[in-house]
PDB file of N, CA and C in Angstrom:
ATOM      1  N   MET A   1      27.211 -24.258  29.410  1.00  0.00           N
ATOM      2  CA  MET A   1      26.081 -23.378  29.493  1.00  0.00           C
ATOM      3  C   MET A   1      26.355 -22.002  28.862  1.00  0.00           C
ATOM      4  N   ILE A   2      27.547 -21.493  29.171  1.00  0.00           N
ATOM      5  CA  ILE A   2      27.950 -20.165  28.607  1.00  0.00           C
ATOM      6  C   ILE A   2      28.056 -20.294  27.115  1.00  0.00           C
ATOM      7  N   ILE A   3      28.623 -21.343  26.601  1.00  0.00           N
ATOM      8  CA  ILE A   3      28.830 -21.547  25.156  1.00  0.00           C
ATOM      9  C   ILE A   3      27.507 -21.620  24.488  1.00  0.00           C
ATOM     10  N   ALA A   4      26.475 -22.276  25.101  1.00  0.00           N
ATOM     11  CA  ALA A   4      25.140 -22.357  24.543  1.00  0.00           C
ATOM     12  C   ALA A   4      24.569 -20.944  24.461  1.00  0.00           C
ATOM     13  N   LEU A   5      24.695 -20.122  25.499  1.00  0.00           N
ATOM     14  CA  LEU A   5      24.165 -18.744  25.494  1.00  0.00           C
ATOM     15  C   LEU A   5      24.852 -17.917  24.381  1.00  0.00           C
ATOM     16  N   ILE A   6      26.134 -18.039  24.320  1.00  0.00           N
ATOM     17  CA  ILE A   6      26.876 -17.317  23.270  1.00  0.00           C
ATOM     18  C   ILE A   6      26.442 -17.753  21.897  1.00  0.00           C
ATOM     19  N   LEU A   7      26.237 -18.989  21.652  1.00  0.00           N
ATOM     20  CA  LEU A   7      25.766 -19.542  20.395  1.00  0.00           C
ATOM     21  C   LEU A   7      24.374 -19.005  20.075  1.00  0.00           C
ATOM     22  N   CYS A   8      23.479 -18.990  21.059  1.00  0.00           N
ATOM     23  CA  CYS A   8      22.136 -18.449  20.880  1.00  0.00           C
ATOM     24  C   CYS A   8      22.185 -16.952  20.494  1.00  0.00           C
ATOM     25  N   PHE A   9      23.051 -16.192  21.208  1.00  0.00           N
ATOM     26  CA  PHE A   9      23.189 -14.786  20.882  1.00  0.00           C
ATOM     27  C   PHE A   9      23.705 -14.559  19.473  1.00  0.00           C
ATOM     28  N   VAL A  10      24.661 -15.331  19.019  1.00  0.00           N
ATOM     29  CA  VAL A  10      25.185 -15.184  17.668  1.00  0.00           C
ATOM     30  C   VAL A  10      24.116 -15.523  16.628  1.00  0.00           C
ATOM     31  N   VAL A  11      23.350 -16.567  16.863  1.00  0.00           N
ATOM     32  CA  VAL A  11      22.256 -16.910  15.989  1.00  0.00           C
ATOM     33  C   VAL A  11      21.212 -15.779  15.878  1.00  0.00           C
ATOM     34  N   TYR A  12      20.865 -15.271  17.009  1.00  0.00           N
ATOM     35  CA  TYR A  12      19.871 -14.111  17.100  1.00  0.00           C
ATOM     36  C   TYR A  12      20.434 -12.917  16.326  1.00  0.00           C
ATOM     37  N   LYS A  13      21.653 -12.567  16.575  1.00  0.00           N
ATOM     38  CA  LYS A  13      22.234 -11.414  15.865  1.00  0.00           C
ATOM     39  C   LYS A  13      22.281 -11.595  14.382  1.00  0.00           C
ATOM     40  N   GLY A  14      22.592 -12.840  13.931  1.00  0.00           N
ATOM     41  CA  GLY A  14      22.560 -13.166  12.521  1.00  0.00           C
ATOM     42  C   GLY A  14      21.224 -13.052  11.919  1.00  0.00           C
ATOM     43  N   TYR A  15      20.213 -13.521  12.580  1.00  0.00           N
ATOM     44  CA  TYR A  15      18.815 -13.433  12.158  1.00  0.00           C
ATOM     45  C   TYR A  15      18.379 -12.001  12.020  1.00  0.00           C
ATOM     46  N   VAL A  16      18.649 -11.201  13.026  1.00  0.00           N
ATOM     47  CA  VAL A  16      18.276  -9.742  13.013  1.00  0.00           C
ATOM     48  C   VAL A  16      18.944  -9.020  11.861  1.00  0.00           C
ATOM     49  N   ALA A  17      20.238  -9.296  11.643  1.00  0.00           N
ATOM     50  CA  ALA A  17      21.006  -8.633  10.596  1.00  0.00           C
ATOM     51  C   ALA A  17      20.362  -9.027   9.259  1.00  0.00           C
ATOM     52  N   PHE A  18      20.064 -10.297   9.043  1.00  0.00           N
ATOM     53  CA  PHE A  18      19.540 -10.726   7.792  1.00  0.00           C
ATOM     54  C   PHE A  18      18.145 -10.139   7.486  1.00  0.00           C
ATOM     55  N   THR A  19      17.255 -10.079   8.508  1.00  0.00           N
ATOM     56  CA  THR A  19      15.953  -9.503   8.247  1.00  0.00           C
ATOM     57  C   THR A  19      15.996  -8.005   8.044  1.00  0.00           C
ATOM     58  N   GLU A  20      16.832  -7.309   8.734  1.00  0.00           N
ATOM     59  CA  GLU A  20      16.971  -5.872   8.515  1.00  0.00           C
ATOM     60  C   GLU A  20      17.600  -5.577   7.169  1.00  0.00           C
ATOM     61  N   PHE A  21      18.487  -6.434   6.724  1.00  0.00           N
ATOM     62  CA  PHE A  21      19.040  -6.230   5.383  1.00  0.00           C
ATOM     63  C   PHE A  21      17.944  -6.360   4.264  1.00  0.00           C
ATOM     64  N   GLU A  22      17.129  -7.389   4.416  1.00  0.00           N
ATOM     65  CA  GLU A  22      16.032  -7.571   3.446  1.00  0.00           C
ATOM     66  C   GLU A  22      15.072  -6.385   3.414  1.00  0.00           C
ATOM     67  N   ILE A  23      14.707  -5.918   4.613  1.00  0.00           N
ATOM     68  CA  ILE A  23      13.801  -4.783   4.707  1.00  0.00           C
ATOM     69  C   ILE A  23      14.447  -3.531   4.116  1.00  0.00           C
ATOM     70  N   GLY A  24      15.719  -3.300   4.438  1.00  0.00           N
ATOM     71  CA  GLY A  24      16.415  -2.163   3.886  1.00  0.00           C
ATOM     72  C   GLY A  24      16.532  -2.191   2.411  1.00  0.00           C
ATOM     73  N   VAL A  25      16.774  -3.326   1.837  1.00  0.00           N
ATOM     74  CA  VAL A  25      16.849  -3.438   0.396  1.00  0.00           C
ATOM     75  C   VAL A  25      15.522  -3.102  -0.281  1.00  0.00           C
ATOM     76  N   SER A  26      14.424  -3.631   0.209  1.00  0.00           N
ATOM     77  CA  SER A  26      13.143  -3.395  -0.381  1.00  0.00           C
ATOM     78  C   SER A  26      12.727  -1.912  -0.299  1.00  0.00           C
ATOM     79  N   ASP A  27      13.096  -1.284   0.824  1.00  0.00           N
ATOM     80  CA  ASP A  27      12.840   0.161   1.015  1.00  0.00           C
ATOM     81  C   ASP A  27      13.616   0.945  -0.045  1.00  0.00           C
ATOM     82  N   ARG A  28      14.921   0.587  -0.179  1.00  0.00           N
ATOM     83  CA  ARG A  28      15.707   1.340  -1.157  1.00  0.00           C
ATOM     84  C   ARG A  28      15.226   1.144  -2.585  1.00  0.00           C
ATOM     85  N   VAL A  29      14.778  -0.035  -2.916  1.00  0.00           N
ATOM     86  CA  VAL A  29      14.252  -0.275  -4.279  1.00  0.00           C
ATOM     87  C   VAL A  29      13.022   0.574  -4.516  1.00  0.00           C
ATOM     88  N   ALA A  30      12.149   0.659  -3.474  1.00  0.00           N
ATOM     89  CA  ALA A  30      10.931   1.511  -3.588  1.00  0.00           C
ATOM     90  C   ALA A  30      11.262   2.930  -3.815  1.00  0.00           C
ATOM     91  N   LYS A  31      12.248   3.441  -3.023  1.00  0.00           N
ATOM     92  CA  LYS A  31      12.704   4.853  -3.172  1.00  0.00           C
ATOM     93  C   LYS A  31      13.222   5.110  -4.574  1.00  0.00           C
ATOM     94  N   ILE A  32      14.072   4.222  -5.097  1.00  0.00           N
ATOM     95  CA  ILE A  32      14.684   4.375  -6.464  1.00  0.00           C
ATOM     96  C   ILE A  32      13.549   4.339  -7.513  1.00  0.00           C
ATOM     97  N   GLU A  33      12.537   3.447  -7.355  1.00  0.00           N
ATOM     98  CA  GLU A  33      11.493   3.428  -8.302  1.00  0.00           C
ATOM     99  C   GLU A  33      10.667   4.777  -8.277  1.00  0.00           C
ATOM    100  N   GLU A  34      10.444   5.286  -7.117  1.00  0.00           N
ATOM    101  CA  GLU A  34       9.782   6.573  -7.002  1.00  0.00           C
ATOM    102  C   GLU A  34      10.545   7.712  -7.698  1.00  0.00           C
ATOM    103  N   GLN A  35      11.805   7.777  -7.449  1.00  0.00           N
ATOM    104  CA  GLN A  35      12.611   8.844  -8.030  1.00  0.00           C
ATOM    105  C   GLN A  35      12.790   8.681  -9.556  1.00  0.00           C
ATOM    106  N   ALA A  36      12.782   7.510 -10.054  1.00  0.00           N
ATOM    107  CA  ALA A  36      12.945   7.288 -11.438  1.00  0.00           C
ATOM    108  C   ALA A  36      11.611   7.367 -12.219  1.00  0.00           C
ATOM    109  N   ASP A  37      10.538   7.462 -11.495  1.00  0.00           N
ATOM    110  CA  ASP A  37       9.195   7.598 -12.094  1.00  0.00           C
ATOM    111  C   ASP A  37       8.849   6.377 -12.979  1.00  0.00           C
ATOM    112  N   PHE A  38       9.103   5.213 -12.461  1.00  0.00           N
ATOM    113  CA  PHE A  38       8.712   3.971 -13.161  1.00  0.00           C
ATOM    114  C   PHE A  38       7.166   3.791 -13.022  1.00  0.00           C
ATOM    115  N   GLU A  39       6.562   3.384 -14.036  1.00  0.00           N
ATOM    116  CA  GLU A  39       5.193   2.954 -13.975  1.00  0.00           C
ATOM    117  C   GLU A  39       5.139   1.495 -13.825  1.00  0.00           C
ATOM    118  N   LYS A  40       4.357   0.949 -12.862  1.00  0.00           N
ATOM    119  CA  LYS A  40       4.265  -0.506 -12.793  1.00  0.00           C
ATOM    120  C   LYS A  40       2.844  -0.874 -12.510  1.00  0.00           C
ATOM    121  N   GLN A  41       2.452  -2.046 -12.957  1.00  0.00           N
ATOM    122  CA  GLN A  41       1.121  -2.527 -12.718  1.00  0.00           C
ATOM    123  C   GLN A  41       1.137  -3.388 -11.411  1.00  0.00           C
ATOM    124  N   ASP A  42       0.208  -3.111 -10.576  1.00  0.00           N
ATOM    125  CA  ASP A  42       0.217  -3.790  -9.285  1.00  0.00           C
ATOM    126  C   ASP A  42      -1.224  -3.863  -8.726  1.00  0.00           C
ATOM    127  N   ASP A  43      -1.457  -4.789  -7.804  1.00  0.00           N
ATOM    128  CA  ASP A  43      -2.711  -4.865  -7.097  1.00  0.00           C
ATOM    129  C   ASP A  43      -2.524  -4.053  -5.806  1.00  0.00           C
ATOM    130  N   VAL A  44      -3.290  -2.971  -5.657  1.00  0.00           N
ATOM    131  CA  VAL A  44      -3.203  -2.047  -4.518  1.00  0.00           C
ATOM    132  C   VAL A  44      -4.562  -1.747  -3.931  1.00  0.00           C
ATOM    133  N   ILE A  45      -4.539  -1.186  -2.788  1.00  0.00           N
ATOM    134  CA  ILE A  45      -5.799  -0.739  -2.125  1.00  0.00           C
ATOM    135  C   ILE A  45      -6.037   0.656  -2.417  1.00  0.00           C
ATOM    136  N   ALA A  46      -7.268   0.999  -2.843  1.00  0.00           N
ATOM    137  CA  ALA A  46      -7.554   2.391  -3.269  1.00  0.00           C
ATOM    138  C   ALA A  46      -8.854   2.869  -2.567  1.00  0.00           C
ATOM    139  N   LEU A  47      -8.872   4.171  -2.242  1.00  0.00           N
ATOM    140  CA  LEU A  47     -10.087   4.807  -1.831  1.00  0.00           C
ATOM    141  C   LEU A  47     -10.597   5.549  -3.052  1.00  0.00           C
ATOM    142  N   MET A  48     -11.852   5.244  -3.462  1.00  0.00           N
ATOM    143  CA  MET A  48     -12.355   5.770  -4.690  1.00  0.00           C
ATOM    144  C   MET A  48     -13.617   6.604  -4.405  1.00  0.00           C
ATOM    145  N   MET A  49     -13.736   7.728  -5.063  1.00  0.00           N
ATOM    146  CA  MET A  49     -14.874   8.643  -4.919  1.00  0.00           C
ATOM    147  C   MET A  49     -15.736   8.584  -6.201  1.00  0.00           C
ATOM    148  N   TYR A  50     -16.999   8.373  -5.965  1.00  0.00           N
ATOM    149  CA  TYR A  50     -17.975   8.345  -7.090  1.00  0.00           C
ATOM    150  C   TYR A  50     -18.959   9.456  -6.922  1.00  0.00           C
ATOM    151  N   LEU A  51     -19.374  10.151  -8.067  1.00  0.00           N
ATOM    152  CA  LEU A  51     -20.370  11.132  -8.049  1.00  0.00           C
ATOM    153  C   LEU A  51     -21.340  10.878  -9.209  1.00  0.00           C
ATOM    154  N   GLY A  52     -22.546  11.426  -9.122  1.00  0.00           N
ATOM    155  CA  GLY A  52     -23.520  11.331 -10.205  1.00  0.00           C
ATOM    156  C   GLY A  52     -24.487  10.207 -10.120  1.00  0.00           C
ATOM    157  N   ASP A  53     -25.364  10.157 -11.084  1.00  0.00           N
ATOM    158  CA  ASP A  53     -26.358   9.107 -11.187  1.00  0.00           C
ATOM    159  C   ASP A  53     -26.467   8.675 -12.610  1.00  0.00           C
ATOM    160  N   PRO A  54     -25.966   7.627 -13.069  1.00  0.00           N
ATOM    161  CA  PRO A  54     -25.242   6.551 -12.303  1.00  0.00           C
ATOM    162  C   PRO A  54     -23.905   7.028 -11.827  1.00  0.00           C
ATOM    163  N   PRO A  55     -23.434   6.410 -10.701  1.00  0.00           N
ATOM    164  CA  PRO A  55     -22.143   6.846 -10.153  1.00  0.00           C
ATOM    165  C   PRO A  55     -20.972   6.656 -11.119  1.00  0.00           C
ATOM    166  N   GLU A  56     -20.139   7.708 -11.215  1.00  0.00           N
ATOM    167  CA  GLU A  56     -19.021   7.755 -12.063  1.00  0.00           C
ATOM    168  C   GLU A  56     -17.788   8.059 -11.190  1.00  0.00           C
ATOM    169  N   LEU A  57     -16.702   7.264 -11.481  1.00  0.00           N
ATOM    170  CA  LEU A  57     -15.506   7.388 -10.742  1.00  0.00           C
ATOM    171  C   LEU A  57     -14.882   8.761 -11.005  1.00  0.00           C
ATOM    172  N   ILE A  58     -14.674   9.578  -9.969  1.00  0.00           N
ATOM    173  CA  ILE A  58     -14.147  10.911 -10.135  1.00  0.00           C
ATOM    174  C   ILE A  58     -12.692  10.980  -9.646  1.00  0.00           C
ATOM    175  N   GLU A  59     -12.404  10.360  -8.538  1.00  0.00           N
ATOM    176  CA  GLU A  59     -11.058  10.386  -8.005  1.00  0.00           C
ATOM    177  C   GLU A  59     -10.656   9.092  -7.308  1.00  0.00           C
ATOM    178  N   HIS A  60      -9.408   8.856  -7.204  1.00  0.00           N
ATOM    179  CA  HIS A  60      -8.900   7.668  -6.500  1.00  0.00           C
ATOM    180  C   HIS A  60      -7.627   7.947  -5.785  1.00  0.00           C
ATOM    181  N   LEU A  61      -7.413   7.299  -4.683  1.00  0.00           N
ATOM    182  CA  LEU A  61      -6.213   7.581  -3.849  1.00  0.00           C
ATOM    183  C   LEU A  61      -5.625   6.229  -3.391  1.00  0.00           C
ATOM    184  N   LEU A  62      -4.318   6.126  -3.575  1.00  0.00           N
ATOM    185  CA  LEU A  62      -3.588   4.911  -3.118  1.00  0.00           C
ATOM    186  C   LEU A  62      -3.467   4.973  -1.598  1.00  0.00           C
ATOM    187  N   VAL A  63      -3.850   3.861  -0.961  1.00  0.00           N
ATOM    188  CA  VAL A  63      -3.819   3.767   0.507  1.00  0.00           C
ATOM    189  C   VAL A  63      -2.974   2.611   0.924  1.00  0.00           C
ATOM    190  N   SER A  64      -2.235   2.738   2.022  1.00  0.00           N
ATOM    191  CA  SER A  64      -1.251   1.712   2.448  1.00  0.00           C
ATOM    192  C   SER A  64      -1.924   0.386   2.885  1.00  0.00           C
ATOM    193  N   ASN A  65      -3.035   0.473   3.579  1.00  0.00           N
ATOM    194  CA  ASN A  65      -3.634  -0.789   4.054  1.00  0.00           C
ATOM    195  C   ASN A  65      -5.159  -0.615   4.247  1.00  0.00           C
ATOM    196  N   LYS A  66      -5.841  -1.740   4.451  1.00  0.00           N
ATOM    197  CA  LYS A  66      -7.302  -1.800   4.498  1.00  0.00           C
ATOM    198  C   LYS A  66      -7.859  -0.956   5.679  1.00  0.00           C
ATOM    199  N   SER A  67      -7.289  -1.022   6.799  1.00  0.00           N
ATOM    200  CA  SER A  67      -7.802  -0.277   7.968  1.00  0.00           C
ATOM    201  C   SER A  67      -7.694   1.233   7.738  1.00  0.00           C
ATOM    202  N   LYS A  68      -6.574   1.720   7.204  1.00  0.00           N
ATOM    203  CA  LYS A  68      -6.411   3.103   6.871  1.00  0.00           C
ATOM    204  C   LYS A  68      -7.415   3.571   5.857  1.00  0.00           C
ATOM    205  N   CYS A  69      -7.717   2.732   4.872  1.00  0.00           N
ATOM    206  CA  CYS A  69      -8.684   3.092   3.852  1.00  0.00           C
ATOM    207  C   CYS A  69     -10.116   3.213   4.463  1.00  0.00           C
ATOM    208  N   LEU A  70     -10.453   2.255   5.298  1.00  0.00           N
ATOM    209  CA  LEU A  70     -11.793   2.271   5.872  1.00  0.00           C
ATOM    210  C   LEU A  70     -11.898   3.543   6.853  1.00  0.00           C
ATOM    211  N   GLU A  71     -10.821   3.845   7.499  1.00  0.00           N
ATOM    212  CA  GLU A  71     -10.859   5.057   8.384  1.00  0.00           C
ATOM    213  C   GLU A  71     -11.028   6.347   7.560  1.00  0.00           C
ATOM    214  N   MET A  72     -10.299   6.376   6.456  1.00  0.00           N
ATOM    215  CA  MET A  72     -10.394   7.593   5.576  1.00  0.00           C
ATOM    216  C   MET A  72     -11.765   7.636   4.938  1.00  0.00           C
ATOM    217  N   LYS A  73     -12.359   6.531   4.621  1.00  0.00           N
ATOM    218  CA  LYS A  73     -13.715   6.478   3.985  1.00  0.00           C
ATOM    219  C   LYS A  73     -14.744   7.062   4.982  1.00  0.00           C
ATOM    220  N   LEU A  74     -14.723   6.656   6.238  1.00  0.00           N
ATOM    221  CA  LEU A  74     -15.643   7.185   7.192  1.00  0.00           C
ATOM    222  C   LEU A  74     -15.590   8.635   7.350  1.00  0.00           C
ATOM    223  N   ILE A  75     -14.334   9.194   7.385  1.00  0.00           N
ATOM    224  CA  ILE A  75     -14.155  10.622   7.491  1.00  0.00           C
ATOM    225  C   ILE A  75     -14.688  11.326   6.290  1.00  0.00           C
ATOM    226  N   ALA A  76     -14.419  10.818   5.112  1.00  0.00           N
ATOM    227  CA  ALA A  76     -14.844  11.424   3.874  1.00  0.00           C
ATOM    228  C   ALA A  76     -16.400  11.424   3.732  1.00  0.00           C
ATOM    229  N   GLU A  77     -17.027  10.309   4.169  1.00  0.00           N
ATOM    230  CA  GLU A  77     -18.515  10.220   4.090  1.00  0.00           C
ATOM    231  C   GLU A  77     -19.150  11.264   5.026  1.00  0.00           C
ATOM    232  N   GLU A  78     -18.504  11.506   6.123  1.00  0.00           N
ATOM    233  CA  GLU A  78     -19.080  12.440   7.116  1.00  0.00           C
ATOM    234  C   GLU A  78     -19.015  13.857   6.572  1.00  0.00           C
ATOM    235  N   THR A  79     -18.066  14.168   5.697  1.00  0.00           N
ATOM    236  CA  THR A  79     -17.893  15.558   5.259  1.00  0.00           C
ATOM    237  C   THR A  79     -18.276  15.811   3.779  1.00  0.00           C
ATOM    238  N   SER A  80     -18.871  14.803   3.146  1.00  0.00           N
ATOM    239  CA  SER A  80     -19.164  14.958   1.737  1.00  0.00           C
ATOM    240  C   SER A  80     -20.399  14.108   1.337  1.00  0.00           C
ATOM    241  N   PHE A  81     -21.049  14.486   0.270  1.00  0.00           N
ATOM    242  CA  PHE A  81     -22.231  13.835  -0.263  1.00  0.00           C
ATOM    243  C   PHE A  81     -21.877  12.760  -1.304  1.00  0.00           C
ATOM    244  N   ALA A  82     -20.644  12.596  -1.567  1.00  0.00           N
ATOM    245  CA  ALA A  82     -20.186  11.601  -2.618  1.00  0.00           C
ATOM    246  C   ALA A  82     -20.259  10.213  -2.072  1.00  0.00           C
ATOM    247  N   TYR A  83     -20.205   9.222  -2.912  1.00  0.00           N
ATOM    248  CA  TYR A  83     -20.168   7.849  -2.514  1.00  0.00           C
ATOM    249  C   TYR A  83     -18.734   7.357  -2.588  1.00  0.00           C
ATOM    250  N   TYR A  84     -18.216   6.817  -1.437  1.00  0.00           N
ATOM    251  CA  TYR A  84     -16.838   6.396  -1.394  1.00  0.00           C
ATOM    252  C   TYR A  84     -16.785   4.847  -1.237  1.00  0.00           C
ATOM    253  N   GLU A  85     -15.705   4.268  -1.783  1.00  0.00           N
ATOM    254  CA  GLU A  85     -15.533   2.830  -1.750  1.00  0.00           C
ATOM    255  C   GLU A  85     -14.080   2.483  -1.554  1.00  0.00           C
ATOM    256  N   CYS A  86     -13.805   1.573  -0.652  1.00  0.00           N
ATOM    257  CA  CYS A  86     -12.440   0.997  -0.558  1.00  0.00           C
ATOM    258  C   CYS A  86     -12.397  -0.265  -1.342  1.00  0.00           C
ATOM    259  N   ALA A  87     -11.419  -0.480  -2.131  1.00  0.00           N
ATOM    260  CA  ALA A  87     -11.347  -1.673  -2.942  1.00  0.00           C
ATOM    261  C   ALA A  87      -9.871  -2.059  -3.252  1.00  0.00           C
ATOM    262  N   LYS A  88      -9.687  -3.339  -3.480  1.00  0.00           N
ATOM    263  CA  LYS A  88      -8.422  -3.854  -4.003  1.00  0.00           C
ATOM    264  C   LYS A  88      -8.562  -3.745  -5.513  1.00  0.00           C
ATOM    265  N   VAL A  89      -7.626  -3.022  -6.154  1.00  0.00           N
ATOM    266  CA  VAL A  89      -7.759  -2.794  -7.612  1.00  0.00           C
ATOM    267  C   VAL A  89      -6.440  -3.159  -8.330  1.00  0.00           C
ATOM    268  N   ASP A  90      -6.566  -3.544  -9.573  1.00  0.00           N
ATOM    269  CA  ASP A  90      -5.437  -3.742 -10.465  1.00  0.00           C
ATOM    270  C   ASP A  90      -5.201  -2.379 -11.110  1.00  0.00           C
ATOM    271  N   ALA A  91      -4.048  -1.785 -10.823  1.00  0.00           N
ATOM    272  CA  ALA A  91      -3.849  -0.381 -11.268  1.00  0.00           C
ATOM    273  C   ALA A  91      -2.445  -0.190 -11.761  1.00  0.00           C
ATOM    274  N   ILE A  92      -2.228   0.858 -12.497  1.00  0.00           N
ATOM    275  CA  ILE A  92      -0.875   1.346 -12.910  1.00  0.00           C
ATOM    276  C   ILE A  92      -0.454   2.366 -11.908  1.00  0.00           C
ATOM    277  N   VAL A  93       0.671   2.126 -11.191  1.00  0.00           N
ATOM    278  CA  VAL A  93       1.100   3.030 -10.145  1.00  0.00           C
ATOM    279  C   VAL A  93       2.430   3.670 -10.555  1.00  0.00           C
ATOM    280  N   LYS A  94       2.540   4.987 -10.182  1.00  0.00           N
ATOM    281  CA  LYS A  94       3.781   5.704 -10.491  1.00  0.00           C
ATOM    282  C   LYS A  94       4.070   6.629  -9.330  1.00  0.00           C
ATOM    283  N   GLY A  95       5.161   6.396  -8.639  1.00  0.00           N
ATOM    284  CA  GLY A  95       5.555   7.285  -7.557  1.00  0.00           C
ATOM    285  C   GLY A  95       4.518   7.389  -6.449  1.00  0.00           C
ATOM    286  N   ASN A  96       3.999   6.264  -5.935  1.00  0.00           N
ATOM    287  CA  ASN A  96       2.969   6.235  -4.916  1.00  0.00           C
ATOM    288  C   ASN A  96       1.664   6.896  -5.272  1.00  0.00           C
ATOM    289  N   LYS A  97       1.379   6.960  -6.547  1.00  0.00           N
ATOM    290  CA  LYS A  97       0.086   7.505  -7.042  1.00  0.00           C
ATOM    291  C   LYS A  97      -0.512   6.578  -8.079  1.00  0.00           C
ATOM    292  N   ILE A  98      -1.806   6.444  -8.073  1.00  0.00           N
ATOM    293  CA  ILE A  98      -2.466   5.660  -9.041  1.00  0.00           C
ATOM    294  C   ILE A  98      -2.638   6.477 -10.273  1.00  0.00           C
ATOM    295  N   ILE A  99      -2.138   6.009 -11.399  1.00  0.00           N
ATOM    296  CA  ILE A  99      -2.251   6.620 -12.676  1.00  0.00           C
ATOM    297  C   ILE A  99      -3.537   6.233 -13.362  1.00  0.00           C
ATOM    298  N   LYS A 100      -3.840   4.922 -13.349  1.00  0.00           N
ATOM    299  CA  LYS A 100      -5.002   4.390 -14.020  1.00  0.00           C
ATOM    300  C   LYS A 100      -5.420   3.089 -13.314  1.00  0.00           C
ATOM    301  N   ILE A 101      -6.754   2.967 -13.167  1.00  0.00           N
ATOM    302  CA  ILE A 101      -7.341   1.728 -12.551  1.00  0.00           C
ATOM    303  C   ILE A 101      -7.772   0.854 -13.762  1.00  0.00           C
ATOM    304  N   ASN A 102      -7.213  -0.312 -13.866  1.00  0.00           N
ATOM    305  CA  ASN A 102      -7.546  -1.219 -14.915  1.00  0.00           C
ATOM    306  C   ASN A 102      -8.874  -1.947 -14.633  1.00  0.00           C
ATOM    307  N   ARG A 103      -8.958  -2.482 -13.348  1.00  0.00           N
ATOM    308  CA  ARG A 103     -10.147  -3.174 -12.948  1.00  0.00           C
ATOM    309  C   ARG A 103     -10.171  -3.310 -11.434  1.00  0.00           C
ATOM    310  N   GLU A 104     -11.448  -3.418 -10.957  1.00  0.00           N
ATOM    311  CA  GLU A 104     -11.657  -3.601  -9.519  1.00  0.00           C
ATOM    312  C   GLU A 104     -11.671  -5.109  -9.248  1.00  0.00           C
ATOM    313  N   LEU A 105     -10.836  -5.475  -8.249  1.00  0.00           N
ATOM    314  CA  LEU A 105     -10.729  -6.886  -7.899  1.00  0.00           C
ATOM    315  C   LEU A 105     -11.622  -7.333  -6.776  1.00  0.00           C
ATOM    316  N   GLU A 106     -11.706  -6.494  -5.700  1.00  0.00           N
ATOM    317  CA  GLU A 106     -12.487  -6.865  -4.555  1.00  0.00           C
ATOM    318  C   GLU A 106     -12.820  -5.540  -3.739  1.00  0.00           C
ATOM    319  N   VAL A 107     -14.084  -5.508  -3.420  1.00  0.00           N
ATOM    320  CA  VAL A 107     -14.572  -4.388  -2.572  1.00  0.00           C
ATOM    321  C   VAL A 107     -14.337  -4.789  -1.141  1.00  0.00           C
ATOM    322  N   LEU A 108     -13.720  -3.846  -0.365  1.00  0.00           N
ATOM    323  CA  LEU A 108     -13.355  -4.153   1.042  1.00  0.00           C
ATOM    324  C   LEU A 108     -14.475  -3.658   1.995  1.00  0.00           C
TER     325      LEU A 108
END
């Protein structure tokens, strides 16, 4: 019984160490890319602001997830007369900022 518990504990510790190592490596790669100012093309979530008639894209902001984008959109619409949209876009990203939006993939 004790040997089974020890074996389970060792397996658990190995699993935790492996997953934390993977997470740590991806975080370090992201930090290095930010510092080196690499431009990369990626599908990201963006909060976009449109003005005018017909609406013209004025600003865009990289957002971490869909719920955060929708929350920011509600706040922006309450304090502004611009039209805001959350969308998944194909964009060129540099240092956690959207440099250029190539195309809109999906409106959220």
